Amino acid sequence: MLGRGISALSCALMLSGCMTAKVGTDYAAISQRVGPPKPGQSRVVVLQKKRDGLSMAICACEVRVDGSPMGKVLVGTYAYADLPAGPHQLVASETLFPGETRRDFTTAPGRTYFFLVKSSPRHDAVSGMSLVGGLAGVAVAAVATSGSDNLGPGEFIPLDEPTARTMLAELQLAD
């Protein structure tokens, strides 16, 4: 009797370890369910990898493509959109952050493009100064970094497909 109870408990624990909500194969399952982009369309995936250690270099970016919202890409999440092939613009903004990040790119039909979004050096400076100096620190950092090449909170870094799919295996779809 005790042996059966231990076996049942062991099986339940093993099975419960396999059930994770929206994590792991989520992108693979979604891309399999949705299929490849329709003829004349391309797909854009924007992701933010999980945080490494105690780093504060994170961006809670609202991502838009060609003016349409894709979603809020937080640490450990991704968002995607299917678009007509051709020129496009990604824009990242963050609540209460002075500035936007823009990335122009061109897509080909039937292809998927992956972009890693990470916090920009300006974002890190403004965030660090807000911890040290509060609102006055934010104001000083915003003025001091106003000459930066990228005035927005993030950077869009193109990724090759194998690297992106490895990262996506650990992420969940943004809300």
C-alpha atoms as a PDB file:
ATOM      1  CA  MET A   1       0.000   0.000   0.000  1.00  0.00           C
ATOM      2  CA  LEU A   2       2.757   2.444   0.940  1.00  0.00           C
ATOM      3  CA  GLY A   3       4.651   1.528  -2.258  1.00  0.00           C
ATOM      4  CA  ARG A   4       1.640   2.383  -4.425  1.00  0.00           C
ATOM      5  CA  GLY A   5       1.203   5.713  -2.655  1.00  0.00           C
ATOM      6  CA  ILE A   6       4.840   6.628  -3.201  1.00  0.00           C
ATOM      7  CA  SER A   7       4.597   5.592  -6.875  1.00  0.00           C
ATOM      8  CA  ALA A   8       1.444   7.665  -7.400  1.00  0.00           C
ATOM      9  CA  LEU A   9       3.005  10.679  -5.700  1.00  0.00           C
ATOM     10  CA  SER A  10       6.180  10.318  -7.792  1.00  0.00           C
ATOM     11  CA  CYS A  11       4.148  10.170 -11.031  1.00  0.00           C
ATOM     12  CA  ALA A  12       2.088  13.197 -10.019  1.00  0.00           C
ATOM     13  CA  LEU A  13       5.233  15.209  -9.248  1.00  0.00           C
ATOM     14  CA  MET A  14       6.848  14.255 -12.565  1.00  0.00           C
ATOM     15  CA  LEU A  15       3.734  15.182 -14.537  1.00  0.00           C
ATOM     16  CA  SER A  16       3.227  18.473 -12.715  1.00  0.00           C
ATOM     17  CA  GLY A  17       6.782  19.468 -13.599  1.00  0.00           C
ATOM     18  CA  CYS A  18       5.831  19.248 -17.281  1.00  0.00           C
ATOM     19  CA  MET A  19       2.883  21.606 -17.006  1.00  0.00           C
ATOM     20  CA  THR A  20       4.041  25.206 -17.137  1.00  0.00           C
ATOM     21  CA  ALA A  21       1.665  27.951 -18.197  1.00  0.00           C
ATOM     22  CA  LYS A  22       2.696  29.723 -21.409  1.00  0.00           C
ATOM     23  CA  VAL A  23       6.386  28.812 -20.996  1.00  0.00           C
ATOM     24  CA  GLY A  24       8.820  26.667 -22.949  1.00  0.00           C
ATOM     25  CA  THR A  25       7.321  25.539 -26.221  1.00  0.00           C
ATOM     26  CA  ASP A  26       4.896  28.477 -26.316  1.00  0.00           C
ATOM     27  CA  TYR A  27       6.456  30.154 -29.370  1.00  0.00           C
ATOM     28  CA  ALA A  28       6.983  26.813 -31.079  1.00  0.00           C
ATOM     29  CA  ALA A  29       3.354  25.871 -30.403  1.00  0.00           C
ATOM     30  CA  ILE A  30       2.034  29.232 -31.547  1.00  0.00           C
ATOM     31  CA  SER A  31       4.125  29.305 -34.727  1.00  0.00           C
ATOM     32  CA  GLN A  32       3.044  25.745 -35.491  1.00  0.00           C
ATOM     33  CA  ARG A  33      -0.625  26.595 -34.890  1.00  0.00           C
ATOM     34  CA  VAL A  34      -0.510  29.886 -36.820  1.00  0.00           C
ATOM     35  CA  GLY A  35       1.782  28.518 -39.530  1.00  0.00           C
ATOM     36  CA  PRO A  36       4.201  30.520 -41.629  1.00  0.00           C
ATOM     37  CA  PRO A  37       3.359  34.044 -42.751  1.00  0.00           C
ATOM     38  CA  LYS A  38       0.720  34.212 -45.477  1.00  0.00           C
ATOM     39  CA  PRO A  39       1.872  34.865 -49.071  1.00  0.00           C
ATOM     40  CA  GLY A  40       3.189  38.420 -49.369  1.00  0.00           C
ATOM     41  CA  GLN A  41       3.509  38.701 -45.565  1.00  0.00           C
ATOM     42  CA  SER A  42       6.462  38.564 -43.170  1.00  0.00           C
ATOM     43  CA  ARG A  43       6.596  38.036 -39.405  1.00  0.00           C
ATOM     44  CA  VAL A  44       8.386  40.180 -36.822  1.00  0.00           C
ATOM     45  CA  VAL A  45       9.138  38.848 -33.334  1.00  0.00           C
ATOM     46  CA  VAL A  46      10.408  41.160 -30.572  1.00  0.00           C
ATOM     47  CA  LEU A  47      11.697  39.510 -27.397  1.00  0.00           C
ATOM     48  CA  GLN A  48      13.390  40.398 -24.138  1.00  0.00           C
ATOM     49  CA  LYS A  49      15.394  37.624 -22.546  1.00  0.00           C
ATOM     50  CA  LYS A  50      15.172  36.709 -18.908  1.00  0.00           C
ATOM     51  CA  ARG A  51      17.207  38.842 -16.542  1.00  0.00           C
ATOM     52  CA  ASP A  52      20.772  37.726 -15.846  1.00  0.00           C
ATOM     53  CA  GLY A  53      21.483  37.851 -12.123  1.00  0.00           C
ATOM     54  CA  LEU A  54      20.713  41.076 -10.291  1.00  0.00           C
ATOM     55  CA  SER A  55      20.952  43.385 -13.298  1.00  0.00           C
ATOM     56  CA  MET A  56      18.667  46.421 -13.228  1.00  0.00           C
ATOM     57  CA  ALA A  57      19.120  46.881 -16.999  1.00  0.00           C
ATOM     58  CA  ILE A  58      15.537  46.045 -17.951  1.00  0.00           C
ATOM     59  CA  CYS A  59      13.050  47.800 -20.173  1.00  0.00           C
ATOM     60  CA  ALA A  60       9.264  47.568 -19.844  1.00  0.00           C
ATOM     61  CA  CYS A  61       8.806  48.617 -23.460  1.00  0.00           C
ATOM     62  CA  GLU A  62       5.532  49.227 -25.238  1.00  0.00           C
ATOM     63  CA  VAL A  63       6.401  48.082 -28.747  1.00  0.00           C
ATOM     64  CA  ARG A  64       4.638  49.349 -31.866  1.00  0.00           C
ATOM     65  CA  VAL A  65       5.243  48.436 -35.475  1.00  0.00           C
ATOM     66  CA  ASP A  66       4.191  50.981 -38.094  1.00  0.00           C
ATOM     67  CA  GLY A  67       2.140  52.740 -35.395  1.00  0.00           C
ATOM     68  CA  SER A  68       0.150  49.628 -34.377  1.00  0.00           C
ATOM     69  CA  PRO A  69       0.740  48.163 -30.904  1.00  0.00           C
ATOM     70  CA  MET A  70       2.465  44.763 -30.716  1.00  0.00           C
ATOM     71  CA  GLY A  71       2.398  44.531 -26.919  1.00  0.00           C
ATOM     72  CA  LYS A  72       4.338  45.353 -23.792  1.00  0.00           C
ATOM     73  CA  VAL A  73       7.572  43.373 -23.950  1.00  0.00           C
ATOM     74  CA  LEU A  74       8.816  42.774 -20.421  1.00  0.00           C
ATOM     75  CA  VAL A  75      11.688  40.631 -19.174  1.00  0.00           C
ATOM     76  CA  GLY A  76      11.061  37.034 -20.243  1.00  0.00           C
ATOM     77  CA  THR A  77       8.358  37.817 -22.825  1.00  0.00           C
ATOM     78  CA  TYR A  78       7.947  38.273 -26.567  1.00  0.00           C
ATOM     79  CA  ALA A  79       5.424  39.724 -29.005  1.00  0.00           C
ATOM     80  CA  TYR A  80       4.937  39.096 -32.710  1.00  0.00           C
ATOM     81  CA  ALA A  81       3.079  40.544 -35.672  1.00  0.00           C
ATOM     82  CA  ASP A  82       2.513  39.534 -39.297  1.00  0.00           C
ATOM     83  CA  LEU A  83       3.058  42.389 -41.743  1.00  0.00           C
ATOM     84  CA  PRO A  84       3.060  42.968 -45.477  1.00  0.00           C
ATOM     85  CA  ALA A  85       6.563  42.591 -46.878  1.00  0.00           C
ATOM     86  CA  GLY A  86       8.388  45.895 -47.299  1.00  0.00           C
ATOM     87  CA  PRO A  87       9.719  48.761 -45.170  1.00  0.00           C
ATOM     88  CA  HIS A  88       8.631  49.013 -41.522  1.00  0.00           C
ATOM     89  CA  GLN A  89       9.479  50.828 -38.302  1.00  0.00           C
ATOM     90  CA  LEU A  90       9.635  49.428 -34.772  1.00  0.00           C
ATOM     91  CA  VAL A  91       9.124  51.923 -31.940  1.00  0.00           C
ATOM     92  CA  ALA A  92       9.699  51.282 -28.237  1.00  0.00           C
ATOM     93  CA  SER A  93       8.466  53.614 -25.525  1.00  0.00           C
ATOM     94  CA  GLU A  94       8.174  53.365 -21.772  1.00  0.00           C
ATOM     95  CA  THR A  95       5.793  55.112 -19.410  1.00  0.00           C
ATOM     96  CA  LEU A  96       7.393  58.213 -17.867  1.00  0.00           C
ATOM     97  CA  PHE A  97      10.561  57.830 -19.966  1.00  0.00           C
ATOM     98  CA  PRO A  98      11.517  60.874 -22.072  1.00  0.00           C
ATOM     99  CA  GLY A  99      12.018  59.574 -25.612  1.00  0.00           C
ATOM    100  CA  GLU A 100      11.369  56.711 -28.017  1.00  0.00           C
ATOM    101  CA  THR A 101      13.567  54.115 -29.689  1.00  0.00           C
ATOM    102  CA  ARG A 102      13.080  53.684 -33.439  1.00  0.00           C
ATOM    103  CA  ARG A 103      14.395  51.005 -35.788  1.00  0.00           C
ATOM    104  CA  ASP A 104      13.713  51.020 -39.523  1.00  0.00           C
ATOM    105  CA  PHE A 105      13.969  47.713 -41.394  1.00  0.00           C
ATOM    106  CA  THR A 106      12.718  46.018 -44.548  1.00  0.00           C
ATOM    107  CA  THR A 107      11.181  42.554 -44.708  1.00  0.00           C
ATOM    108  CA  ALA A 108      10.919  39.976 -47.483  1.00  0.00           C
ATOM    109  CA  PRO A 109       7.801  37.837 -47.994  1.00  0.00           C
ATOM    110  CA  GLY A 110       7.674  34.535 -46.114  1.00  0.00           C
ATOM    111  CA  ARG A 111      10.501  35.388 -43.703  1.00  0.00           C
ATOM    112  CA  THR A 112      10.507  35.861 -39.939  1.00  0.00           C
ATOM    113  CA  TYR A 113      12.635  38.599 -38.373  1.00  0.00           C
ATOM    114  CA  PHE A 114      13.715  38.478 -34.733  1.00  0.00           C
ATOM    115  CA  PHE A 115      14.732  41.471 -32.612  1.00  0.00           C
ATOM    116  CA  LEU A 116      16.056  41.423 -29.064  1.00  0.00           C
ATOM    117  CA  VAL A 117      15.010  44.511 -27.102  1.00  0.00           C
ATOM    118  CA  LYS A 118      17.291  45.521 -24.257  1.00  0.00           C
ATOM    119  CA  SER A 119      17.633  48.678 -22.225  1.00  0.00           C
ATOM    120  CA  SER A 120      19.613  51.495 -23.811  1.00  0.00           C
ATOM    121  CA  PRO A 121      22.604  53.192 -22.150  1.00  0.00           C
ATOM    122  CA  ARG A 122      20.428  56.310 -21.719  1.00  0.00           C
ATOM    123  CA  HIS A 123      17.723  54.228 -19.999  1.00  0.00           C
ATOM    124  CA  ASP A 124      20.314  52.740 -17.648  1.00  0.00           C
ATOM    125  CA  ALA A 125      21.704  56.213 -16.802  1.00  0.00           C
ATOM    126  CA  VAL A 126      18.263  57.708 -16.141  1.00  0.00           C
ATOM    127  CA  SER A 127      17.202  54.682 -14.058  1.00  0.00           C
ATOM    128  CA  GLY A 128      20.414  54.751 -12.044  1.00  0.00           C
ATOM    129  CA  MET A 129      20.111  58.468 -11.358  1.00  0.00           C
ATOM    130  CA  SER A 130      16.476  58.038 -10.295  1.00  0.00           C
ATOM    131  CA  LEU A 131      17.605  55.554  -7.641  1.00  0.00           C
ATOM    132  CA  VAL A 132      20.266  57.932  -6.381  1.00  0.00           C
ATOM    133  CA  GLY A 133      18.595  61.308  -6.785  1.00  0.00           C
ATOM    134  CA  GLY A 134      14.853  60.706  -7.155  1.00  0.00           C
ATOM    135  CA  LEU A 135      12.996  63.029  -9.534  1.00  0.00           C
ATOM    136  CA  ALA A 136      15.846  65.538  -9.484  1.00  0.00           C
ATOM    137  CA  GLY A 137      18.194  62.732 -10.557  1.00  0.00           C
ATOM    138  CA  VAL A 138      15.873  61.834 -13.437  1.00  0.00           C
ATOM    139  CA  ALA A 139      15.813  65.436 -14.606  1.00  0.00           C
ATOM    140  CA  VAL A 140      19.605  65.769 -14.420  1.00  0.00           C
ATOM    141  CA  ALA A 141      20.160  62.456 -16.253  1.00  0.00           C
ATOM    142  CA  ALA A 142      17.562  63.306 -18.926  1.00  0.00           C
ATOM    143  CA  VAL A 143      19.317  66.601 -19.676  1.00  0.00           C
ATOM    144  CA  ALA A 144      22.811  65.085 -19.479  1.00  0.00           C
ATOM    145  CA  THR A 145      21.910  62.275 -21.916  1.00  0.00           C
ATOM    146  CA  SER A 146      19.757  64.352 -24.285  1.00  0.00           C
ATOM    147  CA  GLY A 147      22.528  64.280 -26.895  1.00  0.00           C
ATOM    148  CA  SER A 148      22.548  60.474 -27.096  1.00  0.00           C
ATOM    149  CA  ASP A 149      22.161  58.786 -30.478  1.00  0.00           C
ATOM    150  CA  ASN A 150      19.252  56.760 -29.088  1.00  0.00           C
ATOM    151  CA  LEU A 151      16.874  58.851 -26.996  1.00  0.00           C
ATOM    152  CA  GLY A 152      14.580  55.914 -26.208  1.00  0.00           C
ATOM    153  CA  PRO A 153      14.416  53.316 -23.477  1.00  0.00           C
ATOM    154  CA  GLY A 154      15.581  50.337 -25.537  1.00  0.00           C
ATOM    155  CA  GLU A 155      17.695  49.030 -28.362  1.00  0.00           C
ATOM    156  CA  PHE A 156      16.471  46.647 -31.070  1.00  0.00           C
ATOM    157  CA  ILE A 157      19.176  44.099 -31.873  1.00  0.00           C
ATOM    158  CA  PRO A 158      18.581  41.777 -34.854  1.00  0.00           C
ATOM    159  CA  LEU A 159      18.986  38.080 -34.057  1.00  0.00           C
ATOM    160  CA  ASP A 160      19.586  35.104 -36.302  1.00  0.00           C
ATOM    161  CA  GLU A 161      16.880  32.443 -36.200  1.00  0.00           C
ATOM    162  CA  PRO A 162      18.755  29.704 -34.264  1.00  0.00           C
ATOM    163  CA  THR A 163      19.764  32.134 -31.505  1.00  0.00           C
ATOM    164  CA  ALA A 164      16.254  33.602 -31.319  1.00  0.00           C
ATOM    165  CA  ARG A 165      14.549  30.197 -31.149  1.00  0.00           C
ATOM    166  CA  THR A 166      16.873  29.138 -28.316  1.00  0.00           C
ATOM    167  CA  MET A 167      15.965  32.288 -26.358  1.00  0.00           C
ATOM    168  CA  LEU A 168      12.251  31.962 -27.175  1.00  0.00           C
ATOM    169  CA  ALA A 169      12.120  28.470 -25.661  1.00  0.00           C
ATOM    170  CA  GLU A 170      12.303  30.096 -22.200  1.00  0.00           C
ATOM    171  CA  LEU A 171       9.916  33.005 -22.819  1.00  0.00           C
ATOM    172  CA  GLN A 172       6.174  33.578 -22.727  1.00  0.00           C
ATOM    173  CA  LEU A 173       3.861  35.584 -24.958  1.00  0.00           C
ATOM    174  CA  ALA A 174       3.388  39.208 -23.860  1.00  0.00           C
ATOM    175  CA  ASP A 175      -0.105  40.251 -22.831  1.00  0.00           C
END
